[in-house]
Amino acid sequence: MSVQACIYFQAENRRLTIMFDLIKELTELAGPVGQEEAVQARIETLWRAAGATVTRTRIGNVVAHAGGSGPRVAMIAHADELCFLVRSIDELGYLWLANGQGWQRSAGLRNAFTIGQRVKILARHDVIPGVIAAATGHLAALSLPEPVELNWHDFWVDTGLSRSELLARGVTPGTRVIWDAETVQLGRHVVGKALDDRVLLAVLTEVLRRVPTAERACDLTLISTVQEEIGVVGAKALTMREQFDAAIVLEIGLAGDIPGVPWRDMPLRLGGGPVLVHKDSLVHYDHRLTARLEQIADEAGIPIQHAVFGSFGSDGAALMQADIPTALVAFPARYTHTPFETGHLGDIEMLTEWLCTFVRKGLGHSN
């Protein structure tokens, strides 16, 4: 290997290490829908340290004006993670759960991964560990019918505490329950909870760090929104007070490279590069801006994948409805909305470099 190649790979490994460490820090924070303060406080600190002027909106969006020359461009990712809510507390101390996801159409859960997962109960006074439990096979065989599909009466959270102890520590209906999951690296993969959308907050942080103000061909603003998961609440509120010439929304994507998923349905894979999303279930993204991003990737030699997401929405819908031309980019991921979401560090790094290049080159047609 030449000296130049050795230097390149050392620099790349350093970038990936920095990126993983930042992703790990952000994903392991507790930031459920409507209770994103720990994440937003950290993002505010990071973006201020990188030179941006940071403000908060009244419902908690973090808005960081980074500056530069040219049209006003926003890059947006969301802070909130999916959660459950405590629905009620059983007389024996078990916690019955309600869905905090908002858009799920059925009351039942089809996901077998729920049972046995460790969780954190974000009580008023402290964080309480627990586990999502159900009747075991021995007991179920004696007294319960064979389940066809899980519903909200088939599982609960066991904390080892009594009802009175839970109440004394500030657990009530409405208390958030999140996954208790460590973020780890498996080869080039990163695995953990809340990659949706904390990976993208890490990407935005690195874009801010890597591209000096003098090199920006746009007047850049970074935004971390709240309550995206239940109906793009933060983004809708944002459009009532902010206007931009263009916006790029960053999201987790969907990968089809797992057993049982036909390639014709989801032709995306980990390691294949970041994703340019043309349409999701809520909106068609701006064709001109999408084409500009494709052109920039091609000129920079950054491999990208193209996608249409039929069961997926993002903050971008609120922005398009507010007359802001918007594009959607993502990194492909397996097992979305689980405590073991999985992405590829190479895809995440290429997405970062793609956006850095865009910031340096700008909108093109407006410059």
Protein backbone atom coordinates (compact mmCIF):
# COMPACT_ATOMS: atom_id res chain seq x y z
CA MET A 1 0.00 0.00 0.00
CA SER A 2 1.31 3.45 -0.94
CA VAL A 3 1.92 6.14 1.65
CA GLN A 4 -0.95 8.18 0.20
CA ALA A 5 -3.34 5.22 0.41
CA CYS A 6 -2.26 4.52 3.97
CA ILE A 7 -2.90 8.14 4.94
CA TYR A 8 -6.33 8.01 3.26
CA PHE A 9 -7.42 4.86 5.09
CA GLN A 10 -6.17 6.20 8.41
CA ALA A 11 -8.18 9.38 7.88
CA GLU A 12 -11.27 7.38 6.86
CA ASN A 13 -11.01 5.14 9.92
CA ARG A 14 -10.68 8.21 12.12
CA ARG A 15 -13.80 9.76 10.56
CA LEU A 16 -15.75 6.53 11.10
CA THR A 17 -14.59 6.30 14.71
CA ILE A 18 -15.66 9.89 15.39
CA MET A 19 -18.99 9.25 13.69
CA PHE A 20 -19.68 6.04 15.61
CA ASP A 21 -18.82 7.66 18.95
CA LEU A 22 -21.20 10.54 18.22
CA ILE A 23 -23.96 8.18 17.08
CA LYS A 24 -23.52 6.07 20.22
CA GLU A 25 -23.75 9.14 22.44
CA LEU A 26 -26.89 10.48 20.78
CA THR A 27 -28.77 7.19 20.35
CA GLU A 28 -28.30 6.15 23.96
CA LEU A 29 -29.91 9.36 25.24
CA ALA A 30 -33.54 9.17 26.30
CA GLY A 31 -35.68 11.26 23.97
CA PRO A 32 -39.18 9.84 23.47
CA VAL A 33 -41.88 11.69 21.57
CA GLY A 34 -42.81 14.81 23.51
CA GLN A 35 -39.92 14.44 25.95
CA GLU A 36 -36.88 15.17 23.78
CA GLU A 37 -35.07 17.61 26.09
CA ALA A 38 -31.96 15.50 26.78
CA VAL A 39 -31.31 15.10 23.06
CA GLN A 40 -32.08 18.72 22.22
CA ALA A 41 -29.84 20.02 24.99
CA ARG A 42 -26.92 17.97 23.68
CA ILE A 43 -27.55 19.00 20.07
CA GLU A 44 -27.72 22.65 21.09
CA THR A 45 -24.35 22.33 22.84
CA LEU A 46 -22.74 20.56 19.86
CA TRP A 47 -24.04 23.06 17.31
CA ARG A 48 -23.05 26.07 19.40
CA ALA A 49 -19.56 24.61 19.80
CA ALA A 50 -19.33 24.31 16.00
CA GLY A 51 -20.06 28.01 15.58
CA ALA A 52 -23.80 28.18 14.89
CA THR A 53 -26.22 30.65 16.46
CA VAL A 54 -28.80 28.45 18.18
CA THR A 55 -32.35 29.20 19.30
CA ARG A 56 -35.29 27.11 20.52
CA THR A 57 -38.89 27.33 19.42
CA ARG A 58 -41.62 27.25 22.05
CA ILE A 59 -42.38 23.55 21.53
CA GLY A 60 -38.71 22.58 21.55
CA ASN A 61 -37.32 22.58 18.01
CA VAL A 62 -33.61 23.47 17.92
CA VAL A 63 -32.80 25.94 15.12
CA ALA A 64 -29.12 26.61 14.39
CA HIS A 65 -28.21 29.35 11.93
CA ALA A 66 -24.81 28.38 10.57
CA GLY A 67 -24.46 31.02 7.86
CA GLY A 68 -22.83 31.16 4.44
CA SER A 69 -23.52 32.95 1.16
CA GLY A 70 -26.48 32.26 -1.08
CA PRO A 71 -30.06 31.03 -0.82
CA ARG A 72 -31.47 30.05 2.56
CA VAL A 73 -31.25 26.26 2.89
CA ALA A 74 -32.42 24.17 5.84
CA MET A 75 -31.25 20.67 6.71
CA ILE A 76 -33.58 18.90 9.09
CA ALA A 77 -33.62 15.74 11.23
CA HIS A 78 -35.79 14.83 14.20
CA ALA A 79 -34.84 14.24 17.82
CA ASP A 80 -37.68 12.04 19.05
CA GLU A 81 -37.68 8.27 19.31
CA LEU A 82 -40.65 5.93 19.41
CA CYS A 83 -41.97 4.98 22.82
CA PHE A 84 -44.74 3.30 24.71
CA LEU A 85 -46.85 5.09 27.31
CA VAL A 86 -48.04 3.67 30.60
CA ARG A 87 -51.79 3.09 30.20
CA SER A 88 -52.48 1.90 33.73
CA ILE A 89 -50.82 0.27 36.73
CA ASP A 90 -52.04 -3.17 37.77
CA GLU A 91 -52.80 -3.84 41.43
CA LEU A 92 -49.80 -6.21 41.46
CA GLY A 93 -47.53 -3.52 40.05
CA TYR A 94 -47.46 -4.52 36.38
CA LEU A 95 -47.53 -1.68 33.85
CA TRP A 96 -50.06 -1.92 31.04
CA LEU A 97 -48.93 -0.09 27.92
CA ALA A 98 -50.42 2.16 25.27
CA ASN A 99 -48.93 2.90 21.89
CA GLY A 100 -46.97 6.14 21.68
CA GLN A 101 -46.30 5.79 17.98
CA GLY A 102 -49.39 7.62 16.81
CA TRP A 103 -49.77 6.32 13.26
CA GLN A 104 -50.08 2.57 13.90
CA ARG A 105 -53.41 1.49 12.48
CA SER A 106 -54.13 -1.62 14.53
CA ALA A 107 -54.22 -2.07 18.27
CA GLY A 108 -52.36 -5.34 18.07
CA LEU A 109 -48.61 -5.77 17.72
CA ARG A 110 -47.24 -8.09 15.08
CA ASN A 111 -43.65 -7.73 16.20
CA ALA A 112 -42.36 -10.70 18.18
CA PHE A 113 -39.29 -8.73 19.27
CA THR A 114 -41.39 -6.79 21.82
CA ILE A 115 -41.56 -9.62 24.36
CA GLY A 116 -38.45 -9.94 26.50
CA GLN A 117 -36.99 -6.53 25.69
CA ARG A 118 -35.55 -4.51 28.54
CA VAL A 119 -36.99 -1.03 28.89
CA LYS A 120 -36.57 2.18 30.83
CA ILE A 121 -39.55 3.80 32.53
CA LEU A 122 -38.99 7.56 32.58
CA ALA A 123 -40.71 8.27 35.89
CA ARG A 124 -41.10 11.76 37.35
CA HIS A 125 -38.30 11.31 39.88
CA ASP A 126 -35.91 8.80 38.28
CA VAL A 127 -35.49 6.14 35.60
CA ILE A 128 -36.78 2.67 36.48
CA PRO A 129 -35.58 -0.47 34.66
CA GLY A 130 -38.07 -3.08 33.55
CA VAL A 131 -38.73 -5.85 31.08
CA ILE A 132 -41.63 -6.43 28.70
CA ALA A 133 -43.07 -9.76 29.76
CA ALA A 134 -45.79 -12.23 28.81
CA ALA A 135 -47.00 -15.58 30.09
CA THR A 136 -44.39 -18.27 29.42
CA GLY A 137 -45.16 -21.36 27.40
CA HIS A 138 -45.61 -23.66 30.40
CA LEU A 139 -48.24 -21.45 31.99
CA ALA A 140 -49.84 -20.37 28.73
CA ALA A 141 -50.35 -24.01 27.72
CA LEU A 142 -52.39 -24.57 30.88
CA SER A 143 -54.72 -21.60 30.81
CA LEU A 144 -54.48 -19.49 27.66
CA PRO A 145 -55.68 -20.06 24.11
CA GLU A 146 -53.12 -20.22 21.31
CA PRO A 147 -52.48 -16.61 20.27
CA VAL A 148 -52.96 -15.64 16.65
CA GLU A 149 -51.71 -12.08 17.07
CA LEU A 150 -50.46 -10.15 20.07
CA ASN A 151 -52.69 -7.43 21.46
CA TRP A 152 -52.19 -4.94 24.27
CA HIS A 153 -53.56 -7.38 26.88
CA ASP A 154 -50.97 -10.07 26.10
CA PHE A 155 -47.90 -8.33 27.53
CA TRP A 156 -46.92 -5.88 30.25
CA VAL A 157 -43.88 -4.35 31.94
CA ASP A 158 -42.51 -6.02 35.06
CA THR A 159 -40.29 -3.77 37.21
CA GLY A 160 -40.20 -5.82 40.38
CA LEU A 161 -41.90 -2.93 42.20
CA SER A 162 -45.32 -2.74 43.78
CA ARG A 163 -48.05 -0.37 42.66
CA SER A 164 -47.48 1.90 45.63
CA GLU A 165 -43.71 1.98 45.00
CA LEU A 166 -44.25 2.89 41.37
CA LEU A 167 -46.67 5.67 42.28
CA ALA A 168 -44.26 7.02 44.89
CA ARG A 169 -41.51 7.24 42.27
CA GLY A 170 -43.74 9.15 39.89
CA VAL A 171 -45.12 6.56 37.49
CA THR A 172 -48.59 7.44 36.19
CA PRO A 173 -50.59 6.93 33.03
CA GLY A 174 -48.69 8.88 30.39
CA THR A 175 -45.21 8.02 31.68
CA ARG A 176 -42.95 7.21 28.73
CA VAL A 177 -41.35 3.79 28.31
CA ILE A 178 -38.38 3.42 25.93
CA TRP A 179 -36.02 0.63 24.90
CA ASP A 180 -33.01 0.01 27.13
CA ALA A 181 -30.48 -0.78 24.41
CA GLU A 182 -26.76 -0.19 24.03
CA THR A 183 -25.49 1.01 20.66
CA VAL A 184 -22.73 -1.29 19.38
CA GLN A 185 -20.60 -1.75 16.27
CA LEU A 186 -20.71 -5.12 14.52
CA GLY A 187 -18.09 -5.01 11.78
CA ARG A 188 -19.03 -1.91 9.75
CA HIS A 189 -22.59 -2.04 11.03
CA VAL A 190 -23.97 0.10 13.85
CA VAL A 191 -26.79 -1.47 15.88
CA GLY A 192 -29.02 0.12 18.50
CA LYS A 193 -32.17 2.03 19.31
CA ALA A 194 -33.11 5.47 17.96
CA LEU A 195 -30.87 5.38 14.89
CA ASP A 196 -34.10 6.94 13.64
CA ASP A 197 -33.25 9.83 13.67
CA ARG A 198 -30.18 10.37 15.87
CA VAL A 199 -27.79 9.09 13.19
CA LEU A 200 -28.95 11.99 11.06
CA LEU A 201 -28.39 14.50 13.85
CA ALA A 202 -24.82 13.16 14.00
CA VAL A 203 -24.55 13.63 10.22
CA LEU A 204 -25.73 17.24 10.48
CA THR A 205 -23.24 17.89 13.26
CA GLU A 206 -20.41 16.60 11.09
CA VAL A 207 -21.55 18.69 8.09
CA LEU A 208 -21.41 21.76 10.32
CA ARG A 209 -17.94 20.82 11.55
CA ARG A 210 -16.46 19.89 8.18
CA VAL A 211 -17.58 22.79 5.98
CA PRO A 212 -16.31 26.22 7.10
CA THR A 213 -18.66 29.17 6.73
CA ALA A 214 -16.53 30.70 3.96
CA GLU A 215 -16.94 27.54 1.84
CA ARG A 216 -20.75 27.41 2.03
CA ALA A 217 -22.60 28.26 -1.16
CA CYS A 218 -25.82 28.67 0.80
CA ASP A 219 -27.02 30.35 3.96
CA LEU A 220 -27.30 27.18 6.02
CA THR A 221 -29.65 26.46 8.91
CA LEU A 222 -29.71 23.14 10.78
CA ILE A 223 -32.87 22.06 12.59
CA SER A 224 -33.64 19.30 15.07
CA THR A 225 -37.40 18.84 15.27
CA VAL A 226 -39.65 17.31 17.92
CA GLN A 227 -42.58 14.90 17.65
CA GLU A 228 -41.92 13.77 14.08
CA GLU A 229 -43.00 10.22 14.82
CA ILE A 230 -46.63 11.06 15.62
CA GLY A 231 -47.39 13.38 12.72
CA VAL A 232 -44.49 15.77 11.94
CA VAL A 233 -45.66 18.11 14.70
CA GLY A 234 -42.38 19.99 15.10
CA ALA A 235 -41.97 20.54 11.38
CA LYS A 236 -45.51 21.87 11.02
CA ALA A 237 -44.88 24.35 13.82
CA LEU A 238 -41.56 25.32 12.26
CA THR A 239 -43.14 26.30 8.94
CA MET A 240 -45.35 28.82 10.72
CA ARG A 241 -42.31 30.90 11.70
CA GLU A 242 -39.50 30.05 9.24
CA GLN A 243 -39.17 30.31 5.47
CA PHE A 244 -36.41 28.83 3.36
CA ASP A 245 -35.56 28.71 -0.32
CA ALA A 246 -35.05 24.95 -0.07
CA ALA A 247 -34.88 22.19 2.52
CA ILE A 248 -33.30 18.76 2.78
CA VAL A 249 -34.81 16.34 5.26
CA LEU A 250 -32.59 13.53 6.59
CA GLU A 251 -34.16 10.23 7.60
CA ILE A 252 -33.53 6.59 8.28
CA GLY A 253 -34.31 4.50 5.22
CA LEU A 254 -35.51 0.97 4.53
CA ALA A 255 -33.25 -1.84 3.38
CA GLY A 256 -34.58 -4.91 1.61
CA ASP A 257 -31.48 -7.09 1.99
CA ILE A 258 -32.99 -9.50 4.51
CA PRO A 259 -34.55 -12.94 4.03
CA GLY A 260 -38.11 -12.94 2.79
CA VAL A 261 -38.16 -9.45 1.25
CA PRO A 262 -38.22 -9.54 -2.58
CA TRP A 263 -35.71 -7.21 -4.22
CA ARG A 264 -38.51 -5.93 -6.47
CA ASP A 265 -40.26 -4.52 -3.39
CA MET A 266 -37.32 -2.75 -1.72
CA PRO A 267 -34.16 -2.62 -3.88
CA LEU A 268 -31.92 -1.09 -1.21
CA ARG A 269 -29.03 -2.70 0.65
CA LEU A 270 -26.62 -1.85 3.41
CA GLY A 271 -23.25 -0.81 2.04
CA GLY A 272 -24.70 0.35 -1.28
CA GLY A 273 -24.54 4.04 -0.46
CA PRO A 274 -27.00 6.65 0.83
CA VAL A 275 -30.53 6.91 -0.53
CA LEU A 276 -32.28 9.58 -2.58
CA VAL A 277 -36.01 9.24 -1.91
CA HIS A 278 -38.30 10.42 -4.72
CA LYS A 279 -41.65 9.81 -3.02
CA ASP A 280 -43.08 8.49 0.23
CA SER A 281 -46.62 7.89 1.47
CA LEU A 282 -47.22 11.60 2.10
CA VAL A 283 -45.61 13.57 -0.71
CA HIS A 284 -43.64 13.62 -3.94
CA TYR A 285 -40.37 15.42 -3.24
CA ASP A 286 -39.28 18.45 -5.24
CA HIS A 287 -38.02 17.21 -8.61
CA ARG A 288 -35.59 20.03 -9.25
CA LEU A 289 -33.89 19.79 -5.86
CA THR A 290 -33.83 15.99 -6.04
CA ALA A 291 -32.17 16.19 -9.46
CA ARG A 292 -29.60 18.64 -8.09
CA LEU A 293 -28.66 16.23 -5.31
CA GLU A 294 -28.32 13.41 -7.84
CA GLN A 295 -26.09 15.59 -10.03
CA ILE A 296 -23.85 16.50 -7.09
CA ALA A 297 -23.47 12.85 -6.06
CA ASP A 298 -22.57 11.89 -9.63
CA GLU A 299 -19.99 14.67 -9.99
CA ALA A 300 -18.41 13.77 -6.63
CA GLY A 301 -18.29 10.04 -7.41
CA ILE A 302 -20.56 9.20 -4.46
CA PRO A 303 -22.66 6.07 -5.15
CA ILE A 304 -26.30 6.57 -4.21
CA GLN A 305 -29.39 4.38 -4.24
CA HIS A 306 -32.86 5.50 -5.35
CA ALA A 307 -36.10 4.69 -3.58
CA VAL A 308 -39.84 5.11 -3.34
CA PHE A 309 -41.17 4.48 0.18
CA GLY A 310 -44.80 3.41 0.22
CA SER A 311 -45.25 3.08 3.99
CA PHE A 312 -43.14 5.93 5.24
CA GLY A 313 -43.45 9.65 5.94
CA SER A 314 -41.17 12.44 7.11
CA ASP A 315 -40.96 16.08 8.14
CA GLY A 316 -40.62 16.83 4.44
CA ALA A 317 -44.38 16.69 3.91
CA ALA A 318 -44.94 19.67 6.21
CA LEU A 319 -42.26 21.67 4.41
CA MET A 320 -43.58 20.92 0.93
CA GLN A 321 -47.08 21.89 2.09
CA ALA A 322 -45.61 25.20 3.28
CA ASP A 323 -44.31 25.93 -0.25
CA ILE A 324 -40.68 25.08 0.56
CA PRO A 325 -39.04 22.90 -2.14
CA THR A 326 -37.84 19.86 -0.23
CA ALA A 327 -35.79 16.73 -0.89
CA LEU A 328 -35.46 13.61 1.25
CA VAL A 329 -32.20 11.70 1.76
CA ALA A 330 -31.57 8.70 3.97
CA PHE A 331 -29.22 5.92 4.92
CA PRO A 332 -30.53 2.37 4.35
CA ALA A 333 -31.35 0.48 7.54
CA ARG A 334 -32.62 -2.90 8.64
CA TYR A 335 -35.14 -3.56 11.41
CA THR A 336 -36.50 0.00 11.68
CA HIS A 337 -38.55 0.94 14.75
CA THR A 338 -36.89 -1.75 16.87
CA PRO A 339 -34.25 -1.66 19.64
CA PHE A 340 -31.78 -3.15 17.14
CA GLU A 341 -32.02 -0.86 14.14
CA THR A 342 -29.01 -1.54 11.92
CA GLY A 343 -27.14 0.73 9.53
CA HIS A 344 -23.78 0.74 7.77
CA LEU A 345 -21.10 3.24 8.78
CA GLY A 346 -19.90 3.50 5.18
CA ASP A 347 -23.36 4.60 4.01
CA ILE A 348 -23.56 7.13 6.84
CA GLU A 349 -20.13 8.56 6.00
CA MET A 350 -21.01 8.82 2.29
CA LEU A 351 -24.24 10.60 3.18
CA THR A 352 -22.23 13.07 5.25
CA GLU A 353 -19.81 13.75 2.41
CA TRP A 354 -22.68 14.06 -0.08
CA LEU A 355 -24.28 16.78 2.03
CA CYS A 356 -20.94 18.51 2.62
CA THR A 357 -20.48 18.65 -1.15
CA PHE A 358 -23.99 20.04 -1.60
CA VAL A 359 -23.32 22.79 0.95
CA ARG A 360 -20.14 23.73 -0.91
CA LYS A 361 -21.83 23.75 -4.36
CA GLY A 362 -25.28 25.07 -3.47
CA LEU A 363 -28.53 24.93 -5.38
CA GLY A 364 -26.93 25.66 -8.73
CA HIS A 365 -29.96 27.17 -10.42
CA SER A 366 -30.24 29.90 -7.79
CA ASN A 367 -26.56 30.79 -7.46
